[in-house]
Amino acid sequence: ACLPMALDDAARAGRLHPGDLVVLTGS
């Protein structure tokens, strides 16, 4: 759950903008 939680949290914090390149890595 940590990756979608971090993605949601980043969006709420205003860290994501249209056109941003995002890389998610889980292991």
PDB file of all heavy atoms in Angstrom:
ATOM      1  N   ALA A   1       0.806  -1.222   0.000  1.00  0.00           N
ATOM      2  CA  ALA A   1       0.000   0.000   0.000  1.00  0.00           C
ATOM      3  C   ALA A   1       0.836   1.268   0.000  1.00  0.00           C
ATOM      4  O   ALA A   1       0.320   2.357  -0.278  1.00  0.00           O
ATOM      5  CB  ALA A   1      -0.937   0.013   1.206  1.00  0.00           C
ATOM      6  N   CYS A   2       2.141   1.160   0.308  1.00  0.00           N
ATOM      7  CA  CYS A   2       2.919   2.384   0.539  1.00  0.00           C
ATOM      8  C   CYS A   2       3.061   3.247  -0.710  1.00  0.00           C
ATOM      9  O   CYS A   2       3.080   4.481  -0.616  1.00  0.00           O
ATOM     10  CB  CYS A   2       4.273   2.057   1.152  1.00  0.00           C
ATOM     11  SG  CYS A   2       5.467   1.258   0.060  1.00  0.00           S
ATOM     12  N   LEU A   3       3.164   2.644  -1.888  1.00  0.00           N
ATOM     13  CA  LEU A   3       3.333   3.450  -3.105  1.00  0.00           C
ATOM     14  C   LEU A   3       2.088   4.261  -3.449  1.00  0.00           C
ATOM     15  O   LEU A   3       2.188   5.472  -3.688  1.00  0.00           O
ATOM     16  CB  LEU A   3       3.756   2.573  -4.273  1.00  0.00           C
ATOM     17  CG  LEU A   3       5.209   2.087  -4.251  1.00  0.00           C
ATOM     18  CD1 LEU A   3       5.483   1.175  -5.440  1.00  0.00           C
ATOM     19  CD2 LEU A   3       6.189   3.257  -4.251  1.00  0.00           C
ATOM     20  N   PRO A   4       0.881   3.673  -3.509  1.00  0.00           N
ATOM     21  CA  PRO A   4      -0.282   4.516  -3.788  1.00  0.00           C
ATOM     22  C   PRO A   4      -0.575   5.500  -2.659  1.00  0.00           C
ATOM     23  O   PRO A   4      -1.104   6.594  -2.909  1.00  0.00           O
ATOM     24  CB  PRO A   4      -1.426   3.522  -3.972  1.00  0.00           C
ATOM     25  CG  PRO A   4      -0.998   2.299  -3.245  1.00  0.00           C
ATOM     26  CD  PRO A   4       0.501   2.243  -3.443  1.00  0.00           C
ATOM     27  N   MET A   5      -0.233   5.140  -1.420  1.00  0.00           N
ATOM     28  CA  MET A   5      -0.392   6.088  -0.318  1.00  0.00           C
ATOM     29  C   MET A   5       0.544   7.274  -0.485  1.00  0.00           C
ATOM     30  O   MET A   5       0.159   8.434  -0.269  1.00  0.00           O
ATOM     31  CB  MET A   5      -0.141   5.388   1.017  1.00  0.00           C
ATOM     32  CG  MET A   5      -1.213   4.373   1.393  1.00  0.00           C
ATOM     33  SD  MET A   5      -0.788   3.402   2.869  1.00  0.00           S
ATOM     34  CE  MET A   5      -0.937   4.660   4.147  1.00  0.00           C
ATOM     35  N   ALA A   6       1.789   7.003  -0.887  1.00  0.00           N
ATOM     36  CA  ALA A   6       2.750   8.090  -1.116  1.00  0.00           C
ATOM     37  C   ALA A   6       2.339   8.940  -2.311  1.00  0.00           C
ATOM     38  O   ALA A   6       2.501  10.163  -2.304  1.00  0.00           O
ATOM     39  CB  ALA A   6       4.153   7.513  -1.328  1.00  0.00           C
ATOM     40  N   LEU A   7       1.802   8.298  -3.351  1.00  0.00           N
ATOM     41  CA  LEU A   7       1.337   9.047  -4.523  1.00  0.00           C
ATOM     42  C   LEU A   7       0.193   9.972  -4.146  1.00  0.00           C
ATOM     43  O   LEU A   7       0.171  11.153  -4.526  1.00  0.00           O
ATOM     44  CB  LEU A   7       0.889   8.064  -5.613  1.00  0.00           C
ATOM     45  CG  LEU A   7       0.383   8.684  -6.913  1.00  0.00           C
ATOM     46  CD1 LEU A   7       1.514   9.380  -7.662  1.00  0.00           C
ATOM     47  CD2 LEU A   7      -0.257   7.613  -7.797  1.00  0.00           C
ATOM     48  N   ASP A   8      -0.760   9.452  -3.403  1.00  0.00           N
ATOM     49  CA  ASP A   8      -1.889  10.265  -2.959  1.00  0.00           C
ATOM     50  C   ASP A   8      -1.419  11.406  -2.069  1.00  0.00           C
ATOM     51  O   ASP A   8      -1.867  12.554  -2.202  1.00  0.00           O
ATOM     52  CB  ASP A   8      -2.883   9.374  -2.213  1.00  0.00           C
ATOM     53  CG  ASP A   8      -4.106  10.133  -1.730  1.00  0.00           C
ATOM     54  OD1 ASP A   8      -4.756  10.801  -2.561  1.00  0.00           O
ATOM     55  OD2 ASP A   8      -4.427  10.057  -0.528  1.00  0.00           O
ATOM     56  N   ASP A   9      -0.488  11.112  -1.175  1.00  0.00           N
ATOM     57  CA  ASP A   9       0.031  12.126  -0.275  1.00  0.00           C
ATOM     58  C   ASP A   9       0.781  13.217  -1.035  1.00  0.00           C
ATOM     59  O   ASP A   9       0.664  14.404  -0.719  1.00  0.00           O
ATOM     60  CB  ASP A   9       0.957  11.468   0.751  1.00  0.00           C
ATOM     61  CG  ASP A   9       1.276  12.372   1.921  1.00  0.00           C
ATOM     62  OD1 ASP A   9       0.360  12.654   2.717  1.00  0.00           O
ATOM     63  OD2 ASP A   9       2.443  12.809   2.038  1.00  0.00           O
ATOM     64  N   ALA A  10       1.538  12.815  -2.057  1.00  0.00           N
ATOM     65  CA  ALA A  10       2.261  13.798  -2.865  1.00  0.00           C
ATOM     66  C   ALA A  10       1.286  14.710  -3.609  1.00  0.00           C
ATOM     67  O   ALA A  10       1.514  15.924  -3.717  1.00  0.00           O
ATOM     68  CB  ALA A  10       3.180  13.082  -3.861  1.00  0.00           C
ATOM     69  N   ALA A  11       0.197  14.126  -4.114  1.00  0.00           N
ATOM     70  CA  ALA A  11      -0.801  14.936  -4.806  1.00  0.00           C
ATOM     71  C   ALA A  11      -1.437  15.939  -3.851  1.00  0.00           C
ATOM     72  O   ALA A  11      -1.616  17.116  -4.195  1.00  0.00           O
ATOM     73  CB  ALA A  11      -1.870  14.034  -5.426  1.00  0.00           C
ATOM     74  N   ARG A  12      -1.762  15.492  -2.642  1.00  0.00           N
ATOM     75  CA  ARG A  12      -2.368  16.373  -1.651  1.00  0.00           C
ATOM     76  C   ARG A  12      -1.423  17.497  -1.241  1.00  0.00           C
ATOM     77  O   ARG A  12      -1.849  18.595  -0.905  1.00  0.00           O
ATOM     78  CB  ARG A  12      -2.765  15.565  -0.416  1.00  0.00           C
ATOM     79  CG  ARG A  12      -3.870  14.573  -0.666  1.00  0.00           C
ATOM     80  CD  ARG A  12      -4.125  13.720   0.580  1.00  0.00           C
ATOM     81  NE  ARG A  12      -5.045  12.651   0.252  1.00  0.00           N
ATOM     82  CZ  ARG A  12      -6.363  12.796   0.192  1.00  0.00           C
ATOM     83  NH1 ARG A  12      -6.898  13.972   0.428  1.00  0.00           N
ATOM     84  NH2 ARG A  12      -7.132  11.771  -0.128  1.00  0.00           N
ATOM     85  N   ALA A  13      -0.128  17.186  -1.241  1.00  0.00           N
ATOM     86  CA  ALA A  13       0.872  18.183  -0.839  1.00  0.00           C
ATOM     87  C   ALA A  13       1.223  19.150  -1.962  1.00  0.00           C
ATOM     88  O   ALA A  13       2.063  20.019  -1.791  1.00  0.00           O
ATOM     89  CB  ALA A  13       2.138  17.462  -0.355  1.00  0.00           C
ATOM     90  N   GLY A  14       0.590  18.983  -3.132  1.00  0.00           N
ATOM     91  CA  GLY A  14       0.841  19.878  -4.258  1.00  0.00           C
ATOM     92  C   GLY A  14       2.152  19.613  -4.968  1.00  0.00           C
ATOM     93  O   GLY A  14       2.691  20.497  -5.640  1.00  0.00           O
ATOM     94  N   ARG A  15       2.664  18.374  -4.866  1.00  0.00           N
ATOM     95  CA  ARG A  15       3.950  18.066  -5.472  1.00  0.00           C
ATOM     96  C   ARG A  15       3.839  17.552  -6.895  1.00  0.00           C
ATOM     97  O   ARG A  15       4.860  17.315  -7.538  1.00  0.00           O
ATOM     98  CB  ARG A  15       4.688  17.030  -4.619  1.00  0.00           C
ATOM     99  CG  ARG A  15       5.032  17.499  -3.214  1.00  0.00           C
ATOM    100  CD  ARG A  15       6.156  16.681  -2.623  1.00  0.00           C
ATOM    101  NE  ARG A  15       7.400  16.861  -3.368  1.00  0.00           N
ATOM    102  CZ  ARG A  15       8.538  16.231  -3.066  1.00  0.00           C
ATOM    103  NH1 ARG A  15       8.575  15.372  -2.052  1.00  0.00           N
ATOM    104  NH2 ARG A  15       9.635  16.429  -3.773  1.00  0.00           N
ATOM    105  N   LEU A  16       2.631  17.355  -7.392  1.00  0.00           N
ATOM    106  CA  LEU A  16       2.440  16.813  -8.735  1.00  0.00           C
ATOM    107  C   LEU A  16       1.748  17.825  -9.628  1.00  0.00           C
ATOM    108  O   LEU A  16       0.771  18.461  -9.223  1.00  0.00           O
ATOM    109  CB  LEU A  16       1.611  15.523  -8.667  1.00  0.00           C
ATOM    110  CG  LEU A  16       2.336  14.323  -8.052  1.00  0.00           C
ATOM    111  CD1 LEU A  16       1.357  13.200  -7.774  1.00  0.00           C
ATOM    112  CD2 LEU A  16       3.441  13.850  -8.978  1.00  0.00           C
ATOM    113  N   HIS A  17       2.258  17.951 -10.860  1.00  0.00           N
ATOM    114  CA  HIS A  17       1.734  18.917 -11.812  1.00  0.00           C
ATOM    115  C   HIS A  17       1.604  18.252 -13.179  1.00  0.00           C
ATOM    116  O   HIS A  17       2.344  17.300 -13.491  1.00  0.00           O
ATOM    117  CB  HIS A  17       2.661  20.130 -11.913  1.00  0.00           C
ATOM    118  CG  HIS A  17       3.009  20.725 -10.580  1.00  0.00           C
ATOM    119  ND1 HIS A  17       4.126  20.323  -9.857  1.00  0.00           N
ATOM    120  CD2 HIS A  17       2.382  21.664  -9.832  1.00  0.00           C
ATOM    121  CE1 HIS A  17       4.163  21.014  -8.723  1.00  0.00           C
ATOM    122  NE2 HIS A  17       3.121  21.822  -8.688  1.00  0.00           N
ATOM    123  N   PRO A  18       0.677  18.719 -14.003  1.00  0.00           N
ATOM    124  CA  PRO A  18       0.512  18.124 -15.340  1.00  0.00           C
ATOM    125  C   PRO A  18       1.835  18.077 -16.093  1.00  0.00           C
ATOM    126  O   PRO A  18       2.569  19.069 -16.139  1.00  0.00           O
ATOM    127  CB  PRO A  18      -0.494  19.050 -16.008  1.00  0.00           C
ATOM    128  CG  PRO A  18      -1.286  19.628 -14.877  1.00  0.00           C
ATOM    129  CD  PRO A  18      -0.307  19.803 -13.761  1.00  0.00           C
ATOM    130  N   GLY A  19       2.136  16.921 -16.657  1.00  0.00           N
ATOM    131  CA  GLY A  19       3.375  16.751 -17.406  1.00  0.00           C
ATOM    132  C   GLY A  19       4.513  16.180 -16.610  1.00  0.00           C
ATOM    133  O   GLY A  19       5.539  15.783 -17.191  1.00  0.00           O
ATOM    134  N   ASP A  20       4.382  16.113 -15.280  1.00  0.00           N
ATOM    135  CA  ASP A  20       5.456  15.566 -14.451  1.00  0.00           C
ATOM    136  C   ASP A  20       5.692  14.093 -14.779  1.00  0.00           C
ATOM    137  O   ASP A  20       4.748  13.319 -14.964  1.00  0.00           O
ATOM    138  CB  ASP A  20       5.116  15.686 -12.966  1.00  0.00           C
ATOM    139  CG  ASP A  20       5.386  17.075 -12.414  1.00  0.00           C
ATOM    140  OD1 ASP A  20       5.867  17.938 -13.170  1.00  0.00           O
ATOM    141  OD2 ASP A  20       5.101  17.301 -11.212  1.00  0.00           O
ATOM    142  N   LEU A  21       6.965  13.723 -14.801  1.00  0.00           N
ATOM    143  CA  LEU A  21       7.347  12.321 -14.971  1.00  0.00           C
ATOM    144  C   LEU A  21       7.558  11.724 -13.585  1.00  0.00           C
ATOM    145  O   LEU A  21       8.371  12.212 -12.800  1.00  0.00           O
ATOM    146  CB  LEU A  21       8.635  12.206 -15.790  1.00  0.00           C
ATOM    147  CG  LEU A  21       9.188  10.797 -16.019  1.00  0.00           C
ATOM    148  CD1 LEU A  21       8.181   9.913 -16.746  1.00  0.00           C
ATOM    149  CD2 LEU A  21      10.504  10.859 -16.797  1.00  0.00           C
ATOM    150  N   VAL A  22       6.803  10.668 -13.283  1.00  0.00           N
ATOM    151  CA  VAL A  22       6.830  10.025 -11.971  1.00  0.00           C
ATOM    152  C   VAL A  22       7.272   8.577 -12.146  1.00  0.00           C
ATOM    153  O   VAL A  22       6.803   7.883 -13.050  1.00  0.00           O
ATOM    154  CB  VAL A  22       5.440  10.065 -11.305  1.00  0.00           C
ATOM    155  CG1 VAL A  22       5.491   9.435  -9.917  1.00  0.00           C
ATOM    156  CG2 VAL A  22       4.913  11.494 -11.235  1.00  0.00           C
ATOM    157  N   VAL A  23       8.171   8.131 -11.278  1.00  0.00           N
ATOM    158  CA  VAL A  23       8.614   6.739 -11.309  1.00  0.00           C
ATOM    159  C   VAL A  23       8.350   6.114  -9.944  1.00  0.00           C
ATOM    160  O   VAL A  23       8.790   6.630  -8.914  1.00  0.00           O
ATOM    161  CB  VAL A  23      10.104   6.617 -11.669  1.00  0.00           C
ATOM    162  CG1 VAL A  23      10.557   5.159 -11.572  1.00  0.00           C
ATOM    163  CG2 VAL A  23      10.364   7.149 -13.078  1.00  0.00           C
ATOM    164  N   LEU A  24       7.613   4.993  -9.947  1.00  0.00           N
ATOM    165  CA  LEU A  24       7.288   4.256  -8.736  1.00  0.00           C
ATOM    166  C   LEU A  24       8.000   2.908  -8.767  1.00  0.00           C
ATOM    167  O   LEU A  24       7.906   2.186  -9.763  1.00  0.00           O
ATOM    168  CB  LEU A  24       5.784   3.994  -8.628  1.00  0.00           C
ATOM    169  CG  LEU A  24       4.797   5.156  -8.760  1.00  0.00           C
ATOM    170  CD1 LEU A  24       4.402   5.353 -10.205  1.00  0.00           C
ATOM    171  CD2 LEU A  24       3.548   4.884  -7.926  1.00  0.00           C
ATOM    172  N   THR A  25       8.682   2.574  -7.691  1.00  0.00           N
ATOM    173  CA  THR A  25       9.399   1.301  -7.618  1.00  0.00           C
ATOM    174  C   THR A  25       9.092   0.618  -6.295  1.00  0.00           C
ATOM    175  O   THR A  25       9.260   1.219  -5.231  1.00  0.00           O
ATOM    176  CB  THR A  25      10.915   1.517  -7.748  1.00  0.00           C
ATOM    177  OG1 THR A  25      11.192   2.248  -8.947  1.00  0.00           O
ATOM    178  CG2 THR A  25      11.652   0.190  -7.778  1.00  0.00           C
ATOM    179  N   GLY A  26       8.645  -0.634  -6.382  1.00  0.00           N
ATOM    180  CA  GLY A  26       8.332  -1.394  -5.187  1.00  0.00           C
ATOM    181  C   GLY A  26       9.063  -2.720  -5.185  1.00  0.00           C
ATOM    182  O   GLY A  26       9.282  -3.329  -6.231  1.00  0.00           O
ATOM    183  N   SER A  27       9.448  -3.166  -3.993  1.00  0.00           N
ATOM    184  CA  SER A  27      10.088  -4.475  -3.870  1.00  0.00           C
ATOM    185  C   SER A  27       9.750  -5.075  -2.530  1.00  0.00           C
ATOM    186  O   SER A  27       9.442  -4.359  -1.570  1.00  0.00           O
ATOM    187  CB  SER A  27      11.612  -4.363  -4.034  1.00  0.00           C
ATOM    188  OG  SER A  27      12.167  -3.569  -3.000  1.00  0.00           O
TER     189      SER A  27
END
